[in-house]
N, C-alpha and C. Protein backbone atom coordinates (compact mmCIF):
# COMPACT_ATOMS: atom_id res chain seq x y z
N VAL A 1 0.84 -1.19 0.00
CA VAL A 1 0.00 0.00 0.00
C VAL A 1 0.88 1.25 0.00
N GLN A 2 1.95 1.24 0.78
CA GLN A 2 2.84 2.41 0.86
C GLN A 2 3.47 2.69 -0.50
N ASN A 3 3.82 1.62 -1.24
CA ASN A 3 4.39 1.80 -2.58
C ASN A 3 3.40 2.48 -3.51
N GLN A 4 2.17 2.08 -3.41
CA GLN A 4 1.13 2.70 -4.25
C GLN A 4 0.95 4.17 -3.88
N VAL A 5 0.97 4.45 -2.59
CA VAL A 5 0.84 5.84 -2.13
C VAL A 5 2.03 6.65 -2.64
N ASP A 6 3.22 6.09 -2.56
CA ASP A 6 4.42 6.77 -3.04
C ASP A 6 4.34 7.03 -4.55
N GLU A 7 3.84 6.05 -5.28
CA GLU A 7 3.68 6.23 -6.73
C GLU A 7 2.67 7.33 -7.03
N VAL A 8 1.57 7.33 -6.30
CA VAL A 8 0.55 8.37 -6.50
C VAL A 8 1.13 9.74 -6.18
N ILE A 9 1.91 9.82 -5.11
CA ILE A 9 2.54 11.09 -4.74
C ILE A 9 3.49 11.55 -5.83
N ASP A 10 4.29 10.62 -6.37
CA ASP A 10 5.22 10.97 -7.46
C ASP A 10 4.45 11.47 -8.68
N VAL A 11 3.39 10.77 -9.03
CA VAL A 11 2.59 11.17 -10.18
C VAL A 11 1.98 12.55 -9.95
N MET A 12 1.47 12.78 -8.76
CA MET A 12 0.86 14.08 -8.44
C MET A 12 1.90 15.20 -8.47
N GLN A 13 3.11 14.92 -7.98
CA GLN A 13 4.17 15.92 -8.02
C GLN A 13 4.54 16.26 -9.46
N GLU A 14 4.62 15.25 -10.30
CA GLU A 14 4.90 15.48 -11.72
C GLU A 14 3.79 16.31 -12.36
N ASN A 15 2.55 15.97 -12.03
CA ASN A 15 1.42 16.71 -12.58
C ASN A 15 1.44 18.17 -12.13
N ILE A 16 1.76 18.39 -10.87
CA ILE A 16 1.83 19.77 -10.36
C ILE A 16 2.95 20.53 -11.06
N THR A 17 4.09 19.88 -11.25
CA THR A 17 5.21 20.51 -11.96
C THR A 17 4.81 20.87 -13.39
N LYS A 18 4.13 19.96 -14.05
CA LYS A 18 3.69 20.21 -15.43
C LYS A 18 2.68 21.36 -15.49
N VAL A 19 1.78 21.42 -14.51
CA VAL A 19 0.79 22.50 -14.47
C VAL A 19 1.49 23.84 -14.27
N ILE A 20 2.47 23.88 -13.39
CA ILE A 20 3.23 25.11 -13.15
C ILE A 20 3.96 25.54 -14.41
N GLU A 21 4.63 24.60 -15.08
CA GLU A 21 5.34 24.91 -16.32
C GLU A 21 4.37 25.40 -17.39
N ARG A 22 3.22 24.77 -17.47
CA ARG A 22 2.21 25.18 -18.45
C ARG A 22 1.74 26.60 -18.16
N GLY A 23 1.54 26.90 -16.88
CA GLY A 23 1.14 28.25 -16.49
C GLY A 23 2.19 29.28 -16.88
N GLU A 24 3.46 28.94 -16.70
CA GLU A 24 4.54 29.85 -17.08
C GLU A 24 4.56 30.07 -18.59
N ARG A 25 4.36 29.00 -19.34
CA ARG A 25 4.33 29.13 -20.80
C ARG A 25 3.14 29.98 -21.23
N LEU A 26 2.01 29.79 -20.56
CA LEU A 26 0.83 30.60 -20.89
C LEU A 26 1.08 32.08 -20.58
N ASP A 27 1.76 32.35 -19.47
CA ASP A 27 2.09 33.74 -19.13
C ASP A 27 3.00 34.35 -20.19
N ASP A 28 4.01 33.58 -20.63
CA ASP A 28 4.90 34.06 -21.68
C ASP A 28 4.13 34.32 -22.97
N LEU A 29 3.24 33.41 -23.30
CA LEU A 29 2.44 33.57 -24.51
C LEU A 29 1.55 34.80 -24.42
N GLN A 30 0.98 35.04 -23.26
CA GLN A 30 0.14 36.22 -23.07
C GLN A 30 0.96 37.49 -23.22
N ASP A 31 2.16 37.52 -22.65
CA ASP A 31 3.04 38.69 -22.79
C ASP A 31 3.38 38.95 -24.25
N LYS A 32 3.70 37.88 -24.97
CA LYS A 32 4.03 38.03 -26.38
C LYS A 32 2.82 38.51 -27.17
N SER A 33 1.66 38.00 -26.83
CA SER A 33 0.43 38.40 -27.51
C SER A 33 0.13 39.88 -27.27
N GLU A 34 0.30 40.34 -26.04
CA GLU A 34 0.07 41.75 -25.73
C GLU A 34 1.08 42.63 -26.46
N SER A 35 2.32 42.20 -26.52
CA SER A 35 3.34 42.95 -27.23
C SER A 35 3.02 43.04 -28.72
N LEU A 36 2.59 41.94 -29.28
CA LEU A 36 2.22 41.91 -30.69
C LEU A 36 1.04 42.84 -30.96
N SER A 37 0.08 42.84 -30.07
CA SER A 37 -1.08 43.72 -30.21
C SER A 37 -0.66 45.19 -30.14
N ASP A 38 0.22 45.51 -29.21
CA ASP A 38 0.72 46.89 -29.09
C ASP A 38 1.47 47.30 -30.35
N ASN A 39 2.29 46.41 -30.86
CA ASN A 39 3.04 46.71 -32.08
C ASN A 39 2.11 46.89 -33.27
N ALA A 40 1.07 46.09 -33.35
CA ALA A 40 0.10 46.22 -34.44
C ALA A 40 -0.63 47.56 -34.37
N THR A 41 -0.98 47.98 -33.17
CA THR A 41 -1.64 49.28 -33.00
C THR A 41 -0.71 50.41 -33.40
N ALA A 42 0.53 50.34 -32.98
CA ALA A 42 1.51 51.37 -33.33
C ALA A 42 1.72 51.40 -34.84
N PHE A 43 1.80 50.24 -35.47
CA PHE A 43 1.98 50.18 -36.92
C PHE A 43 0.78 50.80 -37.63
N SER A 44 -0.42 50.49 -37.16
CA SER A 44 -1.63 51.04 -37.77
C SER A 44 -1.66 52.56 -37.65
N ASN A 45 -1.32 53.07 -36.48
CA ASN A 45 -1.30 54.52 -36.29
C ASN A 45 -0.27 55.19 -37.19
N ARG A 46 0.90 54.59 -37.30
CA ARG A 46 1.95 55.15 -38.15
C ARG A 46 1.54 55.10 -39.62
N ALA A 47 0.86 54.04 -40.02
CA ALA A 47 0.39 53.92 -41.41
C ALA A 47 -0.63 55.01 -41.73
N LYS A 48 -1.53 55.28 -40.79
CA LYS A 48 -2.52 56.35 -41.00
C LYS A 48 -1.83 57.70 -41.11
N GLN A 49 -0.85 57.94 -40.24
CA GLN A 49 -0.12 59.20 -40.27
C GLN A 49 0.63 59.35 -41.60
N LEU A 50 1.26 58.30 -42.05
CA LEU A 50 2.00 58.34 -43.31
C LEU A 50 1.05 58.55 -44.49
N ARG A 51 -0.12 57.93 -44.45
CA ARG A 51 -1.11 58.10 -45.51
C ARG A 51 -1.53 59.57 -45.60
N ARG A 52 -1.77 60.21 -44.44
CA ARG A 52 -2.13 61.63 -44.44
C ARG A 52 -1.00 62.49 -44.99
N GLN A 53 0.23 62.19 -44.59
CA GLN A 53 1.38 62.95 -45.08
C GLN A 53 1.50 62.84 -46.60
N MET A 54 1.33 61.64 -47.11
CA MET A 54 1.44 61.45 -48.56
C MET A 54 0.30 62.15 -49.29
N TRP A 55 -0.89 62.17 -48.70
CA TRP A 55 -2.03 62.86 -49.31
C TRP A 55 -1.74 64.35 -49.39
N TRP A 56 -1.23 64.94 -48.30
CA TRP A 56 -0.90 66.36 -48.32
C TRP A 56 0.23 66.65 -49.32
N ARG A 57 1.19 65.77 -49.40
CA ARG A 57 2.29 65.97 -50.35
C ARG A 57 1.73 65.98 -51.78
N GLY A 58 0.80 65.08 -52.06
CA GLY A 58 0.16 65.05 -53.38
C GLY A 58 -0.62 66.32 -53.65
N CYS A 59 -1.33 66.81 -52.63
CA CYS A 59 -2.08 68.07 -52.80
C CYS A 59 -1.14 69.23 -53.07
N LYS A 60 -0.04 69.29 -52.35
CA LYS A 60 0.93 70.37 -52.57
C LYS A 60 1.51 70.30 -53.98
N MET A 61 1.82 69.09 -54.43
CA MET A 61 2.37 68.93 -55.77
C MET A 61 1.37 69.38 -56.82
N LYS A 62 0.12 69.02 -56.66
CA LYS A 62 -0.92 69.45 -57.60
C LYS A 62 -1.07 70.96 -57.59
N ALA A 63 -0.98 71.57 -56.41
CA ALA A 63 -1.09 73.03 -56.31
C ALA A 63 0.08 73.70 -57.02
N VAL A 64 1.28 73.18 -56.87
CA VAL A 64 2.45 73.76 -57.55
C VAL A 64 2.30 73.62 -59.06
N ILE A 65 1.87 72.47 -59.52
CA ILE A 65 1.68 72.26 -60.96
C ILE A 65 0.62 73.21 -61.49
N ALA A 66 -0.48 73.38 -60.75
CA ALA A 66 -1.54 74.29 -61.19
C ALA A 66 -1.02 75.72 -61.23
N LEU A 67 -0.23 76.13 -60.24
CA LEU A 67 0.33 77.48 -60.21
C LEU A 67 1.26 77.71 -61.39
N VAL A 68 2.11 76.75 -61.68
CA VAL A 68 3.02 76.87 -62.83
C VAL A 68 2.21 76.96 -64.13
N ALA A 69 1.16 76.16 -64.24
CA ALA A 69 0.33 76.20 -65.45
C ALA A 69 -0.34 77.56 -65.59
N VAL A 70 -0.83 78.13 -64.50
CA VAL A 70 -1.47 79.45 -64.55
C VAL A 70 -0.45 80.51 -64.94
N ILE A 71 0.74 80.45 -64.37
CA ILE A 71 1.78 81.43 -64.72
C ILE A 71 2.14 81.31 -66.19
N LEU A 72 2.32 80.08 -66.68
CA LEU A 72 2.63 79.89 -68.10
C LEU A 72 1.50 80.43 -68.98
N LEU A 73 0.28 80.18 -68.60
CA LEU A 73 -0.86 80.67 -69.35
C LEU A 73 -0.88 82.19 -69.36
N LEU A 74 -0.60 82.82 -68.24
CA LEU A 74 -0.56 84.28 -68.17
C LEU A 74 0.57 84.84 -69.04
N VAL A 75 1.71 84.19 -69.04
CA VAL A 75 2.83 84.63 -69.88
C VAL A 75 2.46 84.51 -71.35
N ILE A 76 1.85 83.42 -71.73
CA ILE A 76 1.45 83.22 -73.13
C ILE A 76 0.42 84.26 -73.53
N ILE A 77 -0.56 84.50 -72.69
CA ILE A 77 -1.59 85.50 -73.00
C ILE A 77 -0.97 86.88 -73.09
N SER A 78 -0.06 87.18 -72.17
CA SER A 78 0.61 88.49 -72.18
C SER A 78 1.40 88.68 -73.47
N GLU A 79 2.15 87.68 -73.88
CA GLU A 79 2.93 87.76 -75.12
C GLU A 79 2.00 87.90 -76.33
N TYR A 80 0.93 87.17 -76.33
CA TYR A 80 -0.03 87.24 -77.43
C TYR A 80 -0.62 88.64 -77.54
N LEU A 81 -0.99 89.20 -76.38
CA LEU A 81 -1.57 90.55 -76.39
C LEU A 81 -0.55 91.59 -76.83
N GLN A 82 0.71 91.44 -76.46
CA GLN A 82 1.74 92.40 -76.87
C GLN A 82 1.98 92.35 -78.37
N VAL A 83 1.93 91.16 -78.92
CA VAL A 83 2.16 91.01 -80.36
C VAL A 83 0.97 91.53 -81.15
N HIS A 84 -0.24 91.29 -80.69
CA HIS A 84 -1.43 91.63 -81.45
C HIS A 84 -2.07 92.95 -81.04
N THR A 85 -1.45 93.70 -80.18
CA THR A 85 -2.00 94.99 -79.80
C THR A 85 -1.36 96.06 -80.68
N PRO A 86 -2.23 96.90 -81.32
CA PRO A 86 -1.66 97.93 -82.22
C PRO A 86 -0.96 99.04 -81.51
């Protein structure tokens, strides 16, 4: 009977050790999961910020092109009027 009790105690000690190790692994996994979630949020925020920056850069470029086109048009009209004005 004592041998059986000793065997049961050994098995229970092994089970407790395994449960503790499993708990530690789960804690590590939870930490990694939280870190990954934080990194994903930071990446998403940075992507939105970059998208806005690129949109404004595109708007500025279009404004510069439009301004150059207007200036060229004014120069052409001015030259045309100088040539054709008596």
